[in-house]
């Protein structure tokens, strides 16, 4: 009977959980902002893991700086994750910024503006009920 999820999917899921814990508890760098691990994609041979993160409450330059710093700290982070996971080999970590959160916030803002415009247009065209 085939397994429902492949090994790379299981490793990426566990890696995402462990990275989140490392960011919360072990990584004490004041230059880093509030990080969220959105997704981890591991290659089939488990040699490389692409880690997609979101950094909250920073501007565009801050986001780039945080991702650059994470890539510089990748060996230390990998070592911390290796202590937590029971694998013979831990994937090389490569960090990328995930802009899906920013895109979602922008879409929500645009929908809100359209909704407000539609309400004000409806209020202007509706007849008044005064006698």
N, C-alpha and C. Protein backbone atom coordinates (compact mmCIF):
# COMPACT_ATOMS: atom_id res chain seq x y z
N UNK A 1 0.84 -1.18 0.00
CA UNK A 1 0.00 0.00 0.00
C UNK A 1 0.89 1.25 0.00
N UNK A 2 0.71 2.17 -0.96
CA UNK A 2 1.56 3.36 -1.01
C UNK A 2 1.24 4.33 0.12
N UNK A 3 2.28 5.03 0.53
CA UNK A 3 2.08 6.02 1.59
C UNK A 3 1.34 7.22 1.04
N UNK A 4 0.53 7.81 1.89
CA UNK A 4 -0.27 8.95 1.47
C UNK A 4 0.59 10.18 1.18
N UNK A 5 1.62 10.38 1.97
CA UNK A 5 2.53 11.50 1.78
C UNK A 5 3.94 10.97 1.62
N UNK A 6 4.67 11.55 0.68
CA UNK A 6 6.04 11.13 0.46
C UNK A 6 6.95 11.59 1.59
N UNK A 7 8.14 11.05 1.60
CA UNK A 7 9.08 11.39 2.67
C UNK A 7 9.44 12.86 2.64
N UNK A 8 9.64 13.42 1.45
CA UNK A 8 10.01 14.84 1.36
C UNK A 8 8.90 15.73 1.92
N UNK A 9 7.65 15.35 1.73
CA UNK A 9 6.54 16.14 2.29
C UNK A 9 6.53 16.05 3.82
N UNK A 10 6.78 14.87 4.35
CA UNK A 10 6.81 14.71 5.81
C UNK A 10 7.99 15.46 6.42
N UNK A 11 9.15 15.40 5.76
CA UNK A 11 10.33 16.10 6.26
C UNK A 11 10.11 17.61 6.20
N UNK A 12 9.51 18.10 5.12
CA UNK A 12 9.28 19.55 5.01
C UNK A 12 8.30 20.03 6.08
N UNK A 13 7.28 19.24 6.37
CA UNK A 13 6.33 19.61 7.41
C UNK A 13 7.01 19.68 8.78
N UNK A 14 7.80 18.65 9.09
CA UNK A 14 8.51 18.64 10.37
C UNK A 14 9.56 19.74 10.44
N UNK A 15 10.23 20.00 9.33
CA UNK A 15 11.23 21.06 9.28
C UNK A 15 10.59 22.42 9.53
N UNK A 16 9.40 22.64 9.00
CA UNK A 16 8.69 23.89 9.22
C UNK A 16 8.38 24.08 10.70
N UNK A 17 7.92 23.04 11.36
CA UNK A 17 7.62 23.11 12.80
C UNK A 17 8.88 23.40 13.61
N UNK A 18 9.96 22.69 13.29
CA UNK A 18 11.19 22.87 14.06
C UNK A 18 11.81 24.24 13.82
N UNK A 19 11.75 24.73 12.59
CA UNK A 19 12.27 26.08 12.32
C UNK A 19 11.49 27.14 13.10
N UNK A 20 10.19 26.97 13.17
CA UNK A 20 9.37 27.91 13.94
C UNK A 20 9.80 27.93 15.41
N UNK A 21 10.04 26.75 15.95
CA UNK A 21 10.48 26.68 17.35
C UNK A 21 11.87 27.29 17.54
N UNK A 22 12.76 27.05 16.60
CA UNK A 22 14.10 27.63 16.68
C UNK A 22 14.02 29.15 16.64
N UNK A 23 13.19 29.70 15.75
CA UNK A 23 13.04 31.15 15.66
C UNK A 23 12.47 31.72 16.95
N UNK A 24 11.55 31.00 17.58
CA UNK A 24 10.93 31.49 18.82
C UNK A 24 11.86 31.41 20.01
N UNK A 25 12.57 30.29 20.15
CA UNK A 25 13.28 30.02 21.39
C UNK A 25 14.79 30.18 21.32
N UNK A 26 15.41 29.72 20.24
CA UNK A 26 16.87 29.62 20.23
C UNK A 26 17.57 30.79 19.56
N UNK A 27 16.96 31.37 18.54
CA UNK A 27 17.63 32.40 17.76
C UNK A 27 17.42 33.76 18.44
N UNK A 28 18.46 34.26 19.04
CA UNK A 28 18.38 35.53 19.78
C UNK A 28 19.21 36.58 19.07
N UNK A 29 18.74 37.05 17.94
CA UNK A 29 19.44 38.08 17.19
C UNK A 29 18.53 39.31 17.12
N UNK A 30 18.96 40.42 17.71
CA UNK A 30 18.09 41.61 17.75
C UNK A 30 17.84 42.23 16.37
N UNK A 31 18.64 41.86 15.38
CA UNK A 31 18.46 42.42 14.04
C UNK A 31 17.28 41.80 13.31
N UNK A 32 16.82 40.63 13.78
CA UNK A 32 15.72 39.95 13.13
C UNK A 32 14.38 40.48 13.64
N UNK A 33 13.43 40.59 12.73
CA UNK A 33 12.08 41.01 13.10
C UNK A 33 11.23 39.81 13.49
N UNK A 34 9.93 40.03 13.53
CA UNK A 34 8.99 38.98 13.86
C UNK A 34 8.82 38.08 12.63
N UNK A 35 9.33 36.85 12.72
CA UNK A 35 9.37 35.94 11.58
C UNK A 35 8.25 34.91 11.66
N UNK A 36 7.72 34.57 10.49
CA UNK A 36 6.76 33.49 10.36
C UNK A 36 7.23 32.58 9.23
N UNK A 37 7.28 31.30 9.50
CA UNK A 37 7.66 30.33 8.47
C UNK A 37 6.38 29.90 7.77
N UNK A 38 6.22 30.32 6.51
CA UNK A 38 5.00 30.02 5.77
C UNK A 38 5.03 28.65 5.11
N UNK A 39 6.16 28.31 4.54
CA UNK A 39 6.24 27.05 3.81
C UNK A 39 7.69 26.61 3.71
N UNK A 40 7.88 25.30 3.65
CA UNK A 40 9.19 24.72 3.44
C UNK A 40 9.05 23.70 2.32
N UNK A 41 9.86 23.87 1.27
CA UNK A 41 9.89 22.92 0.16
C UNK A 41 11.24 22.21 0.18
N UNK A 42 11.19 20.90 0.28
CA UNK A 42 12.41 20.10 0.33
C UNK A 42 12.53 19.34 -0.99
N UNK A 43 13.73 19.30 -1.55
CA UNK A 43 13.95 18.54 -2.78
C UNK A 43 13.76 17.06 -2.50
N UNK A 44 13.56 16.28 -3.56
CA UNK A 44 13.30 14.84 -3.40
C UNK A 44 14.44 14.12 -2.69
N UNK A 45 15.68 14.57 -2.94
CA UNK A 45 16.82 13.92 -2.28
C UNK A 45 17.12 14.52 -0.91
N UNK A 46 16.29 15.45 -0.46
CA UNK A 46 16.38 16.09 0.87
C UNK A 46 17.66 16.89 1.06
N UNK A 47 18.32 17.28 -0.01
CA UNK A 47 19.59 18.00 0.13
C UNK A 47 19.40 19.50 0.35
N UNK A 48 18.33 20.07 -0.22
CA UNK A 48 18.10 21.51 -0.12
C UNK A 48 16.67 21.76 0.34
N UNK A 49 16.52 22.71 1.25
CA UNK A 49 15.19 23.13 1.70
C UNK A 49 15.03 24.61 1.42
N UNK A 50 14.00 24.96 0.67
CA UNK A 50 13.65 26.36 0.44
C UNK A 50 12.66 26.75 1.53
N UNK A 51 13.04 27.72 2.33
CA UNK A 51 12.21 28.16 3.45
C UNK A 51 11.63 29.52 3.10
N UNK A 52 10.31 29.60 3.03
CA UNK A 52 9.63 30.85 2.71
C UNK A 52 9.13 31.48 4.01
N UNK A 53 9.61 32.69 4.28
CA UNK A 53 9.28 33.38 5.53
C UNK A 53 8.60 34.71 5.24
N UNK A 54 7.87 35.17 6.23
CA UNK A 54 7.27 36.49 6.22
C UNK A 54 7.80 37.24 7.43
N UNK A 55 8.17 38.49 7.22
CA UNK A 55 8.66 39.33 8.31
C UNK A 55 7.62 40.43 8.51
N UNK A 56 7.11 40.54 9.72
CA UNK A 56 6.06 41.50 10.01
C UNK A 56 6.64 42.80 10.59
N UNK A 57 5.92 43.87 10.35
CA UNK A 57 6.22 45.19 10.92
C UNK A 57 7.55 45.77 10.45
N UNK A 58 7.92 45.52 9.19
CA UNK A 58 9.12 46.13 8.62
C UNK A 58 8.80 46.60 7.21
N UNK A 59 9.64 47.51 6.71
CA UNK A 59 9.46 48.01 5.34
C UNK A 59 10.15 47.06 4.36
N UNK A 60 10.13 47.42 3.08
CA UNK A 60 10.71 46.57 2.04
C UNK A 60 12.20 46.32 2.26
N UNK A 61 12.94 47.35 2.63
CA UNK A 61 14.38 47.18 2.89
C UNK A 61 14.59 46.27 4.09
N UNK A 62 13.77 46.40 5.11
CA UNK A 62 13.86 45.54 6.28
C UNK A 62 13.61 44.09 5.94
N UNK A 63 12.67 43.85 5.02
CA UNK A 63 12.39 42.47 4.60
C UNK A 63 13.61 41.87 3.90
N UNK A 64 14.20 42.64 3.00
CA UNK A 64 15.39 42.14 2.29
C UNK A 64 16.54 41.91 3.27
N UNK A 65 16.71 42.83 4.22
CA UNK A 65 17.79 42.68 5.20
C UNK A 65 17.59 41.44 6.07
N UNK A 66 16.34 41.19 6.47
CA UNK A 66 16.06 40.01 7.30
C UNK A 66 16.34 38.72 6.55
N UNK A 67 15.95 38.65 5.28
CA UNK A 67 16.20 37.43 4.49
C UNK A 67 17.70 37.25 4.28
N UNK A 68 18.41 38.34 4.02
CA UNK A 68 19.87 38.26 3.84
C UNK A 68 20.53 37.77 5.13
N UNK A 69 20.09 38.29 6.26
CA UNK A 69 20.64 37.87 7.55
C UNK A 69 20.33 36.40 7.83
N UNK A 70 19.12 35.97 7.49
CA UNK A 70 18.77 34.56 7.69
C UNK A 70 19.66 33.65 6.86
N UNK A 71 19.94 34.05 5.64
CA UNK A 71 20.82 33.24 4.80
C UNK A 71 22.25 33.22 5.35
N UNK A 72 22.68 34.31 6.00
CA UNK A 72 24.00 34.32 6.63
C UNK A 72 24.01 33.42 7.87
N UNK A 73 22.90 33.39 8.59
CA UNK A 73 22.79 32.58 9.81
C UNK A 73 22.37 31.14 9.52
N UNK A 74 22.18 30.78 8.26
CA UNK A 74 21.67 29.46 7.89
C UNK A 74 22.46 28.30 8.50
N UNK A 75 23.79 28.34 8.50
CA UNK A 75 24.52 27.21 9.13
C UNK A 75 24.21 27.05 10.62
N UNK A 76 24.10 28.16 11.34
CA UNK A 76 23.77 28.09 12.76
C UNK A 76 22.35 27.57 12.95
N UNK A 77 21.42 28.06 12.15
CA UNK A 77 20.03 27.62 12.24
C UNK A 77 19.93 26.13 11.90
N UNK A 78 20.67 25.72 10.89
CA UNK A 78 20.68 24.31 10.49
C UNK A 78 21.20 23.43 11.62
N UNK A 79 22.22 23.91 12.30
CA UNK A 79 22.78 23.17 13.44
C UNK A 79 21.74 23.04 14.56
N UNK A 80 21.03 24.13 14.85
CA UNK A 80 20.00 24.10 15.89
C UNK A 80 18.85 23.15 15.51
N UNK A 81 18.48 23.14 14.24
CA UNK A 81 17.42 22.24 13.78
C UNK A 81 17.90 20.79 13.84
N UNK A 82 19.16 20.56 13.51
CA UNK A 82 19.71 19.20 13.52
C UNK A 82 19.66 18.60 14.92
N UNK A 83 19.85 19.41 15.95
CA UNK A 83 19.77 18.92 17.32
C UNK A 83 18.35 18.49 17.67
N UNK A 84 17.35 19.07 17.00
CA UNK A 84 15.96 18.80 17.31
C UNK A 84 15.38 17.64 16.50
N UNK A 85 15.89 17.41 15.31
CA UNK A 85 15.33 16.40 14.42
C UNK A 85 16.21 15.15 14.41
N UNK A 86 15.56 14.01 14.27
CA UNK A 86 16.29 12.75 14.25
C UNK A 86 16.47 12.30 12.80
N UNK A 87 17.33 13.00 12.11
CA UNK A 87 17.68 12.65 10.74
C UNK A 87 19.19 12.54 10.63
N UNK A 88 19.64 11.69 9.74
CA UNK A 88 21.08 11.53 9.54
C UNK A 88 21.66 12.76 8.86
N UNK A 89 20.91 13.34 7.93
CA UNK A 89 21.38 14.49 7.18
C UNK A 89 20.28 15.56 7.18
N UNK A 90 20.64 16.78 7.53
CA UNK A 90 19.70 17.90 7.52
C UNK A 90 19.93 18.71 6.25
N UNK A 91 18.85 19.09 5.61
CA UNK A 91 18.92 19.82 4.35
C UNK A 91 19.62 21.17 4.51
N UNK A 92 20.26 21.60 3.44
CA UNK A 92 20.83 22.95 3.39
C UNK A 92 19.66 23.93 3.33
N UNK A 93 19.70 24.95 4.16
CA UNK A 93 18.59 25.90 4.26
C UNK A 93 18.84 27.12 3.37
N UNK A 94 17.85 27.46 2.57
CA UNK A 94 17.88 28.67 1.76
C UNK A 94 16.60 29.43 2.04
N UNK A 95 16.75 30.67 2.47
CA UNK A 95 15.60 31.47 2.87
C UNK A 95 15.17 32.42 1.76
N UNK A 96 13.84 32.54 1.61
CA UNK A 96 13.23 33.43 0.63
C UNK A 96 12.07 34.15 1.30
N UNK A 97 11.82 35.37 0.83
CA UNK A 97 10.67 36.11 1.37
C UNK A 97 9.41 35.69 0.64
N UNK A 98 8.36 35.41 1.39
CA UNK A 98 7.07 35.01 0.83
C UNK A 98 6.15 36.22 0.86
N UNK A 99 5.83 36.76 -0.30
CA UNK A 99 5.01 37.97 -0.36
C UNK A 99 3.52 37.68 -0.45
N UNK A 100 3.10 36.45 -0.23
CA UNK A 100 1.68 36.12 -0.31
C UNK A 100 0.87 36.85 0.77
N UNK A 101 1.46 37.05 1.95
CA UNK A 101 0.76 37.78 3.01
C UNK A 101 0.53 39.23 2.59
N UNK A 102 1.57 39.86 2.03
CA UNK A 102 1.44 41.25 1.57
C UNK A 102 0.41 41.35 0.45
N UNK A 103 0.42 40.38 -0.47
CA UNK A 103 -0.54 40.38 -1.56
C UNK A 103 -1.96 40.21 -1.03
N UNK A 104 -2.13 39.33 -0.07
CA UNK A 104 -3.45 39.13 0.54
C UNK A 104 -3.96 40.38 1.24
N UNK A 105 -3.07 41.07 1.94
CA UNK A 105 -3.46 42.31 2.62
C UNK A 105 -3.86 43.38 1.60
N UNK A 106 -3.14 43.45 0.50
CA UNK A 106 -3.44 44.44 -0.55
C UNK A 106 -4.79 44.13 -1.20
N UNK A 107 -5.07 42.86 -1.47
CA UNK A 107 -6.36 42.46 -2.06
C UNK A 107 -7.50 42.78 -1.08
N UNK A 108 -7.30 42.51 0.20
CA UNK A 108 -8.33 42.83 1.19
C UNK A 108 -8.59 44.33 1.26
N UNK A 109 -7.53 45.12 1.16
CA UNK A 109 -7.68 46.58 1.17
C UNK A 109 -8.46 47.04 -0.05
N UNK A 110 -8.13 46.52 -1.22
CA UNK A 110 -8.84 46.90 -2.44
C UNK A 110 -10.31 46.50 -2.39
N UNK A 111 -10.60 45.30 -1.88
CA UNK A 111 -11.99 44.87 -1.75
C UNK A 111 -12.76 45.75 -0.78
N UNK A 112 -12.10 46.16 0.28
CA UNK A 112 -12.73 47.05 1.25
C UNK A 112 -13.06 48.40 0.61
N UNK A 113 -12.12 48.92 -0.18
CA UNK A 113 -12.36 50.20 -0.86
C UNK A 113 -13.51 50.08 -1.85
N UNK A 114 -13.59 48.97 -2.58
CA UNK A 114 -14.69 48.77 -3.53
C UNK A 114 -16.01 48.66 -2.78
N UNK A 115 -16.02 47.99 -1.66
CA UNK A 115 -17.23 47.83 -0.86
C UNK A 115 -17.70 49.18 -0.33
N UNK A 116 -16.79 49.99 0.15
CA UNK A 116 -17.14 51.32 0.66
C UNK A 116 -17.68 52.19 -0.47
N UNK A 117 -17.06 52.13 -1.64
CA UNK A 117 -17.52 52.91 -2.78
C UNK A 117 -18.91 52.46 -3.22
N UNK A 118 -19.16 51.17 -3.20
CA UNK A 118 -20.48 50.65 -3.59
C UNK A 118 -21.55 51.09 -2.60
N UNK A 119 -21.24 51.10 -1.32
CA UNK A 119 -22.20 51.55 -0.30
C UNK A 119 -22.55 53.02 -0.48
N UNK A 120 -21.52 53.84 -0.68
CA UNK A 120 -21.78 55.27 -0.82
C UNK A 120 -22.57 55.54 -2.10
N UNK A 121 -22.32 54.80 -3.16
CA UNK A 121 -23.06 54.95 -4.40
C UNK A 121 -24.51 54.53 -4.21
N UNK A 122 -24.75 53.47 -3.46
CA UNK A 122 -26.10 53.00 -3.19
C UNK A 122 -26.85 54.01 -2.33
N UNK A 123 -26.16 54.59 -1.36
CA UNK A 123 -26.80 55.59 -0.49
C UNK A 123 -27.18 56.84 -1.27
N UNK A 124 -26.39 57.22 -2.25
CA UNK A 124 -26.68 58.42 -3.04
C UNK A 124 -27.82 58.21 -4.01
N UNK A 125 -27.98 57.02 -4.54
CA UNK A 125 -29.02 56.76 -5.55
C UNK A 125 -30.34 56.32 -4.94
N UNK A 126 -30.36 55.90 -3.71
CA UNK A 126 -31.63 55.45 -3.11
C UNK A 126 -32.49 56.66 -2.77
N UNK A 127 -33.81 56.55 -3.04
CA UNK A 127 -34.72 57.67 -2.71
C UNK A 127 -34.87 57.81 -1.21
N UNK A 128 -35.05 59.04 -0.78
CA UNK A 128 -35.21 59.26 0.66
C UNK A 128 -36.63 58.94 1.06
N UNK A 129 -36.82 58.56 2.29
CA UNK A 129 -38.14 58.14 2.79
C UNK A 129 -38.82 59.25 3.57
N UNK A 130 -38.46 60.47 3.34
CA UNK A 130 -39.06 61.58 4.09
C UNK A 130 -40.39 61.96 3.44
N UNK A 131 -41.40 62.35 4.25
CA UNK A 131 -42.69 62.79 3.75
C UNK A 131 -43.01 64.18 4.20
